[in-house]
C-alpha cells in the first residue's frame, strides 16, 4: 500500500538527520541537543498520528485495512526512533 507524502517526508527527514549526526559526530554538543530535540519532535508527531488513526472508527473494510496499514507503518517508524 502506498503511503502518503507526509510519511515519506518524515522518513526522508529522519534519514537525513541521521546521516548528519554520523558526519558531525559528537564534536558539537549544541548540534547534538538540536538533533535530540528534532528527534523528540518527530517522535511526538508520530505519536499524534498514531492517536488519530486509533481514534478513527469505520465499518468499511477497505478503509479499516488502510488504517491498519497506516498504524503498522507509524509503529515501525516509532520503533526506529527508539
PDB file of N, CA and C in Angstrom:
ATOM      1  N   UNK A   1       0.838  -1.176   0.000  1.00  0.00           N
ATOM      2  CA  UNK A   1       0.000   0.000   0.000  1.00  0.00           C
ATOM      3  C   UNK A   1       0.883   1.239   0.000  1.00  0.00           C
ATOM      4  N   UNK A   2       0.527   2.194  -0.795  1.00  0.00           N
ATOM      5  CA  UNK A   2       1.324   3.411  -0.892  1.00  0.00           C
ATOM      6  C   UNK A   2       1.068   4.293   0.323  1.00  0.00           C
ATOM      7  N   UNK A   3       2.126   4.877   0.806  1.00  0.00           N
ATOM      8  CA  UNK A   3       1.983   5.791   1.936  1.00  0.00           C
ATOM      9  C   UNK A   3       1.853   7.205   1.400  1.00  0.00           C
ATOM     10  N   UNK A   4       1.276   8.054   2.204  1.00  0.00           N
ATOM     11  CA  UNK A   4       1.083   9.455   1.809  1.00  0.00           C
ATOM     12  C   UNK A   4       2.391  10.209   1.775  1.00  0.00           C
ATOM     13  N   UNK A   5       2.357  11.372   1.155  1.00  0.00           N
ATOM     14  CA  UNK A   5       3.567  12.203   1.023  1.00  0.00           C
ATOM     15  C   UNK A   5       4.081  12.612   2.375  1.00  0.00           C
ATOM     16  N   UNK A   6       3.197  12.752   3.350  1.00  0.00           N
ATOM     17  CA  UNK A   6       3.597  13.185   4.676  1.00  0.00           C
ATOM     18  C   UNK A   6       4.537  12.172   5.322  1.00  0.00           C
ATOM     19  N   UNK A   7       4.211  10.895   5.224  1.00  0.00           N
ATOM     20  CA  UNK A   7       5.053   9.848   5.803  1.00  0.00           C
ATOM     21  C   UNK A   7       6.410   9.788   5.128  1.00  0.00           C
ATOM     22  N   UNK A   8       6.419   9.929   3.814  1.00  0.00           N
ATOM     23  CA  UNK A   8       7.684   9.890   3.087  1.00  0.00           C
ATOM     24  C   UNK A   8       8.564  11.056   3.495  1.00  0.00           C
ATOM     25  N   UNK A   9       7.969  12.219   3.651  1.00  0.00           N
ATOM     26  CA  UNK A   9       8.730  13.393   4.034  1.00  0.00           C
ATOM     27  C   UNK A   9       9.375  13.198   5.398  1.00  0.00           C
ATOM     28  N   UNK A  10       8.625  12.684   6.344  1.00  0.00           N
ATOM     29  CA  UNK A  10       9.158  12.444   7.687  1.00  0.00           C
ATOM     30  C   UNK A  10      10.293  11.445   7.628  1.00  0.00           C
ATOM     31  N   UNK A  11      10.078  10.375   6.887  1.00  0.00           N
ATOM     32  CA  UNK A  11      11.104   9.345   6.771  1.00  0.00           C
ATOM     33  C   UNK A  11      12.386   9.910   6.158  1.00  0.00           C
ATOM     34  N   UNK A  12      12.253  10.708   5.103  1.00  0.00           N
ATOM     35  CA  UNK A  12      13.417  11.303   4.458  1.00  0.00           C
ATOM     36  C   UNK A  12      14.134  12.251   5.404  1.00  0.00           C
ATOM     37  N   UNK A  13      13.376  13.039   6.166  1.00  0.00           N
ATOM     38  CA  UNK A  13      13.983  13.965   7.115  1.00  0.00           C
ATOM     39  C   UNK A  13      14.747  13.213   8.190  1.00  0.00           C
ATOM     40  N   UNK A  14      14.170  12.132   8.688  1.00  0.00           N
ATOM     41  CA  UNK A  14      14.847  11.359   9.724  1.00  0.00           C
ATOM     42  C   UNK A  14      16.134  10.741   9.209  1.00  0.00           C
ATOM     43  N   UNK A  15      16.095  10.214   7.993  1.00  0.00           N
ATOM     44  CA  UNK A  15      17.298   9.637   7.403  1.00  0.00           C
ATOM     45  C   UNK A  15      18.373  10.704   7.204  1.00  0.00           C
ATOM     46  N   UNK A  16      17.957  11.870   6.740  1.00  0.00           N
ATOM     47  CA  UNK A  16      18.910  12.952   6.513  1.00  0.00           C
ATOM     48  C   UNK A  16      19.554  13.379   7.834  1.00  0.00           C
ATOM     49  N   UNK A  17      18.761  13.502   8.879  1.00  0.00           N
ATOM     50  CA  UNK A  17      19.298  13.906  10.186  1.00  0.00           C
ATOM     51  C   UNK A  17      20.245  12.846  10.746  1.00  0.00           C
ATOM     52  N   UNK A  18      19.901  11.594  10.525  1.00  0.00           N
ATOM     53  CA  UNK A  18      20.775  10.509  10.984  1.00  0.00           C
ATOM     54  C   UNK A  18      22.136  10.585  10.296  1.00  0.00           C
ATOM     55  N   UNK A  19      22.136  10.838   8.988  1.00  0.00           N
ATOM     56  CA  UNK A  19      23.391  10.979   8.253  1.00  0.00           C
ATOM     57  C   UNK A  19      24.183  12.181   8.748  1.00  0.00           C
ATOM     58  N   UNK A  20      23.502  13.291   9.006  1.00  0.00           N
ATOM     59  CA  UNK A  20      24.179  14.481   9.502  1.00  0.00           C
ATOM     60  C   UNK A  20      24.810  14.217  10.862  1.00  0.00           C
ATOM     61  N   UNK A  21      24.096  13.484  11.717  1.00  0.00           N
ATOM     62  CA  UNK A  21      24.645  13.159  13.035  1.00  0.00           C
ATOM     63  C   UNK A  21      25.885  12.290  12.925  1.00  0.00           C
ATOM     64  N   UNK A  22      25.862  11.338  12.006  1.00  0.00           N
ATOM     65  CA  UNK A  22      27.019  10.466  11.823  1.00  0.00           C
ATOM     66  C   UNK A  22      28.226  11.266  11.339  1.00  0.00           C
ATOM     67  N   UNK A  23      27.991  12.215  10.425  1.00  0.00           N
ATOM     68  CA  UNK A  23      29.083  13.023   9.883  1.00  0.00           C
ATOM     69  C   UNK A  23      29.633  13.990  10.930  1.00  0.00           C
ATOM     70  N   UNK A  24      28.744  14.571  11.700  1.00  0.00           N
ATOM     71  CA  UNK A  24      29.168  15.564  12.688  1.00  0.00           C
ATOM     72  C   UNK A  24      29.794  14.914  13.915  1.00  0.00           C
ATOM     73  N   UNK A  25      29.372  13.691  14.201  1.00  0.00           N
ATOM     74  CA  UNK A  25      29.861  13.021  15.401  1.00  0.00           C
ATOM     75  C   UNK A  25      29.354  13.747  16.631  1.00  0.00           C
ATOM     76  N   UNK A  26      30.098  13.713  17.685  1.00  0.00           N
ATOM     77  CA  UNK A  26      29.723  14.398  18.916  1.00  0.00           C
ATOM     78  C   UNK A  26      30.613  15.620  19.133  1.00  0.00           C
ATOM     79  N   UNK A  27      31.150  16.173  18.060  1.00  0.00           N
ATOM     80  CA  UNK A  27      32.071  17.298  18.163  1.00  0.00           C
ATOM     81  C   UNK A  27      31.399  18.537  18.724  1.00  0.00           C
ATOM     82  N   UNK A  28      30.147  18.763  18.396  1.00  0.00           N
ATOM     83  CA  UNK A  28      29.460  19.966  18.832  1.00  0.00           C
ATOM     84  C   UNK A  28      28.254  19.595  19.688  1.00  0.00           C
ATOM     85  N   UNK A  29      28.333  19.836  20.996  1.00  0.00           N
ATOM     86  CA  UNK A  29      27.214  19.478  21.884  1.00  0.00           C
ATOM     87  C   UNK A  29      25.917  20.212  21.543  1.00  0.00           C
ATOM     88  N   UNK A  30      26.017  21.426  21.036  1.00  0.00           N
ATOM     89  CA  UNK A  30      24.812  22.178  20.663  1.00  0.00           C
ATOM     90  C   UNK A  30      24.082  21.471  19.528  1.00  0.00           C
ATOM     91  N   UNK A  31      24.851  20.974  18.565  1.00  0.00           N
ATOM     92  CA  UNK A  31      24.227  20.240  17.454  1.00  0.00           C
ATOM     93  C   UNK A  31      23.587  18.956  17.957  1.00  0.00           C
ATOM     94  N   UNK A  32      24.206  18.326  18.932  1.00  0.00           N
ATOM     95  CA  UNK A  32      23.656  17.096  19.489  1.00  0.00           C
ATOM     96  C   UNK A  32      22.323  17.383  20.186  1.00  0.00           C
ATOM     97  N   UNK A  33      22.243  18.524  20.890  1.00  0.00           N
ATOM     98  CA  UNK A  33      20.987  18.912  21.543  1.00  0.00           C
ATOM     99  C   UNK A  33      19.908  19.193  20.521  1.00  0.00           C
ATOM    100  N   UNK A  34      20.278  19.885  19.443  1.00  0.00           N
ATOM    101  CA  UNK A  34      19.318  20.194  18.387  1.00  0.00           C
ATOM    102  C   UNK A  34      18.821  18.908  17.743  1.00  0.00           C
ATOM    103  N   UNK A  35      19.732  17.983  17.475  1.00  0.00           N
ATOM    104  CA  UNK A  35      19.347  16.710  16.873  1.00  0.00           C
ATOM    105  C   UNK A  35      18.412  15.941  17.802  1.00  0.00           C
ATOM    106  N   UNK A  36      18.691  15.982  19.095  1.00  0.00           N
ATOM    107  CA  UNK A  36      17.823  15.317  20.065  1.00  0.00           C
ATOM    108  C   UNK A  36      16.443  15.941  20.108  1.00  0.00           C
ATOM    109  N   UNK A  37      16.395  17.256  20.023  1.00  0.00           N
ATOM    110  CA  UNK A  37      15.110  17.955  20.017  1.00  0.00           C
ATOM    111  C   UNK A  37      14.319  17.632  18.754  1.00  0.00           C
ATOM    112  N   UNK A  38      15.013  17.562  17.634  1.00  0.00           N
ATOM    113  CA  UNK A  38      14.341  17.222  16.372  1.00  0.00           C
ATOM    114  C   UNK A  38      13.796  15.802  16.425  1.00  0.00           C
ATOM    115  N   UNK A  39      14.549  14.907  17.010  1.00  0.00           N
ATOM    116  CA  UNK A  39      14.095  13.529  17.136  1.00  0.00           C
ATOM    117  C   UNK A  39      12.874  13.460  18.052  1.00  0.00           C
ATOM    118  N   UNK A  40      12.884  14.237  19.119  1.00  0.00           N
ATOM    119  CA  UNK A  40      11.742  14.269  20.033  1.00  0.00           C
ATOM    120  C   UNK A  40      10.498  14.809  19.324  1.00  0.00           C
ATOM    121  N   UNK A  41      10.678  15.839  18.498  1.00  0.00           N
ATOM    122  CA  UNK A  41       9.543  16.394  17.744  1.00  0.00           C
ATOM    123  C   UNK A  41       9.010  15.368  16.749  1.00  0.00           C
ATOM    124  N   UNK A  42       9.895  14.665  16.073  1.00  0.00           N
ATOM    125  CA  UNK A  42       9.466  13.643  15.116  1.00  0.00           C
ATOM    126  C   UNK A  42       8.701  12.536  15.836  1.00  0.00           C
ATOM    127  N   UNK A  43       9.181  12.146  16.998  1.00  0.00           N
ATOM    128  CA  UNK A  43       8.502  11.117  17.780  1.00  0.00           C
ATOM    129  C   UNK A  43       7.116  11.596  18.211  1.00  0.00           C
ATOM    130  N   UNK A  44       7.029  12.840  18.674  1.00  0.00           N
ATOM    131  CA  UNK A  44       5.748  13.391  19.101  1.00  0.00           C
ATOM    132  C   UNK A  44       4.765  13.442  17.932  1.00  0.00           C
ATOM    133  N   UNK A  45       5.256  13.821  16.764  1.00  0.00           N
ATOM    134  CA  UNK A  45       4.401  13.879  15.583  1.00  0.00           C
ATOM    135  C   UNK A  45       3.872  12.481  15.238  1.00  0.00           C
ATOM    136  N   UNK A  46       4.725  11.481  15.308  1.00  0.00           N
ATOM    137  CA  UNK A  46       4.301  10.114  15.025  1.00  0.00           C
ATOM    138  C   UNK A  46       3.287   9.619  16.057  1.00  0.00           C
ATOM    139  N   UNK A  47       3.480   9.995  17.317  1.00  0.00           N
ATOM    140  CA  UNK A  47       2.530   9.609  18.350  1.00  0.00           C
ATOM    141  C   UNK A  47       1.165  10.249  18.114  1.00  0.00           C
ATOM    142  N   UNK A  48       1.161  11.494  17.665  1.00  0.00           N
ATOM    143  CA  UNK A  48      -0.101  12.163  17.363  1.00  0.00           C
ATOM    144  C   UNK A  48      -0.803  11.511  16.174  1.00  0.00           C
ATOM    145  N   UNK A  49      -0.024  11.140  15.167  1.00  0.00           N
ATOM    146  CA  UNK A  49      -0.607  10.452  14.017  1.00  0.00           C
ATOM    147  C   UNK A  49      -1.191   9.110  14.448  1.00  0.00           C
ATOM    148  N   UNK A  50      -0.473   8.411  15.306  1.00  0.00           N
ATOM    149  CA  UNK A  50      -0.944   7.119  15.796  1.00  0.00           C
ATOM    150  C   UNK A  50      -2.257   7.290  16.549  1.00  0.00           C
ATOM    151  N   UNK A  51      -2.327   8.301  17.392  1.00  0.00           N
ATOM    152  CA  UNK A  51      -3.544   8.573  18.154  1.00  0.00           C
ATOM    153  C   UNK A  51      -4.727   8.874  17.231  1.00  0.00           C
ATOM    154  N   UNK A  52      -4.480   9.641  16.172  1.00  0.00           N
ATOM    155  CA  UNK A  52      -5.538   9.974  15.231  1.00  0.00           C
ATOM    156  C   UNK A  52      -6.044   8.727  14.516  1.00  0.00           C
ATOM    157  N   UNK A  53      -5.125   7.876  14.078  1.00  0.00           N
ATOM    158  CA  UNK A  53      -5.513   6.643  13.389  1.00  0.00           C
ATOM    159  C   UNK A  53      -6.322   5.750  14.327  1.00  0.00           C
ATOM    160  N   UNK A  54      -5.894   5.639  15.567  1.00  0.00           N
ATOM    161  CA  UNK A  54      -6.598   4.793  16.526  1.00  0.00           C
ATOM    162  C   UNK A  54      -7.987   5.330  16.854  1.00  0.00           C
ATOM    163  N   UNK A  55      -8.155   6.633  16.765  1.00  0.00           N
ATOM    164  CA  UNK A  55      -9.450   7.225  17.117  1.00  0.00           C
ATOM    165  C   UNK A  55     -10.487   7.110  16.005  1.00  0.00           C
ATOM    166  N   UNK A  56     -10.051   6.806  14.787  1.00  0.00           N
ATOM    167  CA  UNK A  56     -10.992   6.704  13.674  1.00  0.00           C
ATOM    168  C   UNK A  56     -11.772   5.398  13.749  1.00  0.00           C
ATOM    169  N   UNK A  57     -13.076   5.530  13.559  1.00  0.00           N
ATOM    170  CA  UNK A  57     -13.957   4.363  13.554  1.00  0.00           C
ATOM    171  C   UNK A  57     -14.566   4.240  12.158  1.00  0.00           C
ATOM    172  N   UNK A  58     -14.593   3.037  11.633  1.00  0.00           N
ATOM    173  CA  UNK A  58     -15.200   2.814  10.328  1.00  0.00           C
ATOM    174  C   UNK A  58     -15.674   1.370  10.223  1.00  0.00           C
ATOM    175  N   UNK A  59     -16.728   1.188   9.454  1.00  0.00           N
ATOM    176  CA  UNK A  59     -17.222  -0.167   9.218  1.00  0.00           C
ATOM    177  C   UNK A  59     -16.864  -0.633   7.803  1.00  0.00           C
ATOM    178  N   UNK A  60     -16.273   0.250   7.021  1.00  0.00           N
ATOM    179  CA  UNK A  60     -15.894  -0.079   5.648  1.00  0.00           C
ATOM    180  C   UNK A  60     -14.587  -0.871   5.673  1.00  0.00           C
ATOM    181  N   UNK A  61     -14.619  -2.044   5.075  1.00  0.00           N
ATOM    182  CA  UNK A  61     -13.466  -2.957   5.141  1.00  0.00           C
ATOM    183  C   UNK A  61     -12.189  -2.339   4.544  1.00  0.00           C
ATOM    184  N   UNK A  62     -12.310  -1.704   3.387  1.00  0.00           N
ATOM    185  CA  UNK A  62     -11.121  -1.136   2.732  1.00  0.00           C
ATOM    186  C   UNK A  62     -10.516  -0.017   3.576  1.00  0.00           C
ATOM    187  N   UNK A  63     -11.356   0.822   4.154  1.00  0.00           N
ATOM    188  CA  UNK A  63     -10.854   1.921   4.983  1.00  0.00           C
ATOM    189  C   UNK A  63     -10.195   1.376   6.246  1.00  0.00           C
ATOM    190  N   UNK A  64     -10.801   0.356   6.829  1.00  0.00           N
ATOM    191  CA  UNK A  64     -10.233  -0.250   8.033  1.00  0.00           C
ATOM    192  C   UNK A  64      -8.865  -0.863   7.729  1.00  0.00           C
ATOM    193  N   UNK A  65      -8.743  -1.500   6.569  1.00  0.00           N
ATOM    194  CA  UNK A  65      -7.457  -2.077   6.165  1.00  0.00           C
ATOM    195  C   UNK A  65      -6.404  -0.986   5.975  1.00  0.00           C
ATOM    196  N   UNK A  66      -6.826   0.121   5.381  1.00  0.00           N
ATOM    197  CA  UNK A  66      -5.896   1.237   5.173  1.00  0.00           C
ATOM    198  C   UNK A  66      -5.427   1.805   6.508  1.00  0.00           C
ATOM    199  N   UNK A  67      -6.338   1.926   7.456  1.00  0.00           N
ATOM    200  CA  UNK A  67      -5.973   2.436   8.783  1.00  0.00           C
ATOM    201  C   UNK A  67      -5.022   1.474   9.497  1.00  0.00           C
ATOM    202  N   UNK A  68      -5.269   0.185   9.356  1.00  0.00           N
ATOM    203  CA  UNK A  68      -4.378  -0.794   9.985  1.00  0.00           C
ATOM    204  C   UNK A  68      -2.979  -0.745   9.375  1.00  0.00           C
ATOM    205  N   UNK A  69      -2.904  -0.561   8.061  1.00  0.00           N
ATOM    206  CA  UNK A  69      -1.598  -0.456   7.403  1.00  0.00           C
ATOM    207  C   UNK A  69      -0.878   0.816   7.844  1.00  0.00           C
ATOM    208  N   UNK A  70      -1.631   1.905   7.951  1.00  0.00           N
ATOM    209  CA  UNK A  70      -1.034   3.168   8.397  1.00  0.00           C
ATOM    210  C   UNK A  70      -0.509   3.025   9.820  1.00  0.00           C
ATOM    211  N   UNK A  71      -1.273   2.380  10.665  1.00  0.00           N
ATOM    212  CA  UNK A  71      -0.853   2.167  12.048  1.00  0.00           C
ATOM    213  C   UNK A  71       0.418   1.326  12.106  1.00  0.00           C
ATOM    214  N   UNK A  72       0.489   0.319  11.278  1.00  0.00           N
ATOM    215  CA  UNK A  72       1.683  -0.533  11.232  1.00  0.00           C
ATOM    216  C   UNK A  72       2.913   0.280  10.815  1.00  0.00           C
ATOM    217  N   UNK A  73       2.757   1.147   9.810  1.00  0.00           N
ATOM    218  CA  UNK A  73       3.865   1.993   9.360  1.00  0.00           C
ATOM    219  C   UNK A  73       4.309   2.968  10.451  1.00  0.00           C
ATOM    220  N   UNK A  74       3.341   3.567  11.117  1.00  0.00           N
ATOM    221  CA  UNK A  74       3.657   4.526  12.187  1.00  0.00           C
ATOM    222  C   UNK A  74       4.409   3.825  13.312  1.00  0.00           C
ATOM    223  N   UNK A  75       3.939   2.660  13.710  1.00  0.00           N
ATOM    224  CA  UNK A  75       4.598   1.936  14.794  1.00  0.00           C
ATOM    225  C   UNK A  75       6.007   1.496  14.405  1.00  0.00           C
ATOM    226  N   UNK A  76       6.206   1.167  13.126  1.00  0.00           N
ATOM    227  CA  UNK A  76       7.553   0.814  12.652  1.00  0.00           C
ATOM    228  C   UNK A  76       8.483   2.024  12.760  1.00  0.00           C
ATOM    229  N   UNK A  77       7.976   3.187  12.375  1.00  0.00           N
ATOM    230  CA  UNK A  77       8.791   4.414  12.466  1.00  0.00           C
ATOM    231  C   UNK A  77       9.115   4.745  13.935  1.00  0.00           C
ATOM    232  N   UNK A  78       8.136   4.557  14.804  1.00  0.00           N
ATOM    233  CA  UNK A  78       8.386   4.812  16.227  1.00  0.00           C
ATOM    234  C   UNK A  78       9.456   3.871  16.773  1.00  0.00           C
ATOM    235  N   UNK A  79       9.421   2.628  16.332  1.00  0.00           N
ATOM    236  CA  UNK A  79      10.415   1.667  16.791  1.00  0.00           C
ATOM    237  C   UNK A  79      11.810   2.045  16.307  1.00  0.00           C
ATOM    238  N   UNK A  80      11.900   2.586  15.075  1.00  0.00           N
ATOM    239  CA  UNK A  80      13.203   3.039  14.569  1.00  0.00           C
ATOM    240  C   UNK A  80      13.779   4.149  15.440  1.00  0.00           C
ATOM    241  N   UNK A  81      12.890   5.037  15.918  1.00  0.00           N
ATOM    242  CA  UNK A  81      13.359   6.145  16.737  1.00  0.00           C
ATOM    243  C   UNK A  81      13.803   5.677  18.134  1.00  0.00           C
ATOM    244  N   UNK A  82      13.263   4.574  18.570  1.00  0.00           N
ATOM    245  CA  UNK A  82      13.688   4.008  19.848  1.00  0.00           C
ATOM    246  C   UNK A  82      12.878   4.422  20.972  1.00  0.00           C
TER     247      UNK A  82
END
